[in-house]
Amino acid sequence: MADNKTRIPVKLPSLAFMVCLLISISCWILVSFSKDYKMSYEYKLVCDNLPDGRKSVTASDTVLTLTFNQNGFRYLMKPFSEKEKVVTISIKDLIKPKNKVTVYTFTNKELHEYLVTHNFGPELVDVSAPEVITFYLR
């Protein structure tokens, strides 16, 4: 009996191709992780450290949209990879420069300055939303 099946030779990729592929993937990773990116994330606002004699605080908006300057492996860092992003604001520290009694209004620039010094550091580029936030103390 004659064997009708003929074997088709399978060619494995050449060593040169594999080396070039490895080098190109390494270069792509190096270039993509060395760029600077601006990423926006939404953070839930949590208030604590109320001034003496105050029982509660209500904010006009409970979600902040923050824009960060990121590069490299910062994508994988904890503050940016958490599913439940929360920013905690100390009301006592935030309202120090203001002299009002129960209502405090802050622009996004004032909130940005506070968050850079107390929470995030220089990676925080901008507070995109809200434009103005108001805190009501009781």
Protein backbone atom coordinates (compact mmCIF):
# COMPACT_ATOMS: atom_id res chain seq x y z
CA MET A 1 0.00 0.00 0.00
CA ALA A 2 1.21 3.36 -0.93
CA ASP A 3 1.01 6.17 1.58
CA ASN A 4 -1.02 8.98 0.01
CA LYS A 5 -0.33 11.42 2.80
CA THR A 6 2.63 13.62 2.14
CA ARG A 7 4.15 15.57 4.94
CA ILE A 8 4.22 19.28 4.46
CA PRO A 9 7.30 20.72 6.10
CA VAL A 10 6.54 23.33 8.76
CA LYS A 11 9.04 26.12 8.88
CA LEU A 12 9.73 27.72 12.21
CA PRO A 13 10.48 31.44 12.23
CA SER A 14 14.12 32.11 11.79
CA LEU A 15 16.25 33.19 14.68
CA ALA A 16 16.90 36.56 13.03
CA PHE A 17 13.15 37.24 12.78
CA MET A 18 12.64 36.36 16.46
CA VAL A 19 15.48 38.66 17.53
CA CYS A 20 14.10 41.53 15.44
CA LEU A 21 10.62 40.96 16.86
CA LEU A 22 11.95 41.02 20.42
CA ILE A 23 13.93 44.21 19.77
CA SER A 24 10.92 45.95 18.19
CA ILE A 25 8.61 45.01 21.08
CA SER A 26 11.21 46.27 23.57
CA CYS A 27 11.54 49.56 21.69
CA TRP A 28 7.76 49.99 21.54
CA ILE A 29 7.46 49.45 25.31
CA LEU A 30 10.32 51.88 25.98
CA VAL A 31 8.82 54.61 23.78
CA SER A 32 5.25 54.22 25.04
CA PHE A 33 6.31 54.30 28.70
CA SER A 34 8.60 57.30 28.28
CA LYS A 35 5.95 59.67 26.91
CA ASP A 36 4.12 62.20 29.07
CA TYR A 37 0.36 61.80 29.21
CA LYS A 38 -2.42 63.83 30.76
CA MET A 39 -5.11 61.62 32.22
CA SER A 40 -8.35 62.67 33.91
CA TYR A 41 -9.95 60.64 36.68
CA GLU A 42 -13.07 61.10 38.73
CA TYR A 43 -12.60 61.03 42.50
CA LYS A 44 -15.28 60.82 45.15
CA LEU A 45 -15.00 63.69 47.64
CA VAL A 46 -14.90 62.78 51.34
CA CYS A 47 -14.72 65.50 54.00
CA ASP A 48 -13.25 65.03 57.46
CA ASN A 49 -11.64 67.01 60.32
CA LEU A 50 -14.50 69.45 60.89
CA PRO A 51 -13.90 72.68 62.84
CA ASP A 52 -14.89 72.79 66.51
CA GLY A 53 -18.61 73.10 67.08
CA ARG A 54 -19.60 71.79 63.64
CA LYS A 55 -21.50 68.52 63.27
CA SER A 56 -21.64 67.89 59.54
CA VAL A 57 -20.62 69.23 56.18
CA THR A 58 -22.44 69.12 52.85
CA ALA A 59 -20.69 69.80 49.56
CA SER A 60 -22.33 71.18 46.45
CA ASP A 61 -20.63 68.47 44.42
CA THR A 62 -19.32 65.09 45.58
CA VAL A 63 -17.30 64.15 42.50
CA LEU A 64 -14.09 65.88 41.44
CA THR A 65 -12.53 65.43 38.02
CA LEU A 66 -8.76 65.67 38.42
CA THR A 67 -6.20 65.78 35.61
CA PHE A 68 -2.76 64.29 36.23
CA ASN A 69 0.51 64.45 34.35
CA GLN A 70 1.74 60.87 34.06
CA ASN A 71 4.53 59.03 32.38
CA GLY A 72 6.10 55.63 32.41
CA PHE A 73 5.03 53.08 34.96
CA ARG A 74 2.93 55.60 36.92
CA TYR A 75 -0.07 54.09 35.15
CA LEU A 76 0.39 51.06 37.32
CA MET A 77 0.78 52.96 40.58
CA LYS A 78 -1.86 52.64 43.27
CA PRO A 79 -3.44 56.16 43.25
CA PHE A 80 -4.26 55.81 39.57
CA SER A 81 -5.23 52.16 39.41
CA GLU A 82 -7.69 51.95 42.31
CA LYS A 83 -11.25 51.22 41.22
CA GLU A 84 -12.81 53.32 43.99
CA LYS A 85 -10.93 56.60 43.79
CA VAL A 86 -11.46 58.74 46.90
CA VAL A 87 -9.92 62.07 47.84
CA THR A 88 -10.17 63.10 51.50
CA ILE A 89 -10.24 66.81 52.32
CA SER A 90 -9.63 68.20 55.79
CA ILE A 91 -12.24 70.94 56.10
CA LYS A 92 -10.39 72.60 58.97
CA ASP A 93 -7.25 72.99 56.83
CA LEU A 94 -9.19 74.03 53.74
CA ILE A 95 -11.20 76.85 55.34
CA LYS A 96 -8.35 78.38 57.39
CA PRO A 97 -7.82 81.40 55.13
CA LYS A 98 -11.55 82.12 54.84
CA ASN A 99 -13.50 84.10 57.48
CA LYS A 100 -17.09 83.07 56.76
CA VAL A 101 -19.20 81.22 59.30
CA THR A 102 -21.16 78.40 57.63
CA VAL A 103 -20.77 78.64 53.84
CA TYR A 104 -17.41 78.35 52.09
CA THR A 105 -16.96 78.64 48.33
CA PHE A 106 -13.81 77.59 46.50
CA THR A 107 -12.87 77.87 42.84
CA ASN A 108 -11.17 74.99 41.09
CA LYS A 109 -7.86 76.91 41.25
CA GLU A 110 -8.07 77.24 45.05
CA LEU A 111 -8.99 73.57 45.34
CA HIS A 112 -6.08 72.69 43.02
CA GLU A 113 -3.61 74.55 45.28
CA TYR A 114 -4.96 72.74 48.35
CA LEU A 115 -4.84 69.29 46.71
CA VAL A 116 -1.30 69.81 45.42
CA THR A 117 -0.01 70.69 48.90
CA HIS A 118 -2.04 68.19 50.94
CA ASN A 119 -2.94 65.19 48.77
CA PHE A 120 -1.31 64.62 45.40
CA GLY A 121 1.78 66.73 44.87
CA PRO A 122 3.07 68.09 41.56
CA GLU A 123 1.54 65.30 39.44
CA LEU A 124 -1.85 67.03 39.73
CA VAL A 125 -2.20 69.38 36.78
CA ASP A 126 -5.77 70.65 37.04
CA VAL A 127 -9.12 70.31 38.77
CA SER A 128 -11.34 70.07 35.69
CA ALA A 129 -14.72 69.89 37.40
CA PRO A 130 -16.48 71.43 39.22
CA GLU A 131 -15.62 75.04 38.46
CA VAL A 132 -16.82 76.10 41.92
CA ILE A 133 -17.50 73.96 44.97
CA THR A 134 -19.36 75.11 48.05
CA PHE A 135 -19.20 73.59 51.52
CA TYR A 136 -22.10 74.08 53.94
CA LEU A 137 -21.26 73.50 57.63
CA ARG A 138 -23.86 72.80 60.29
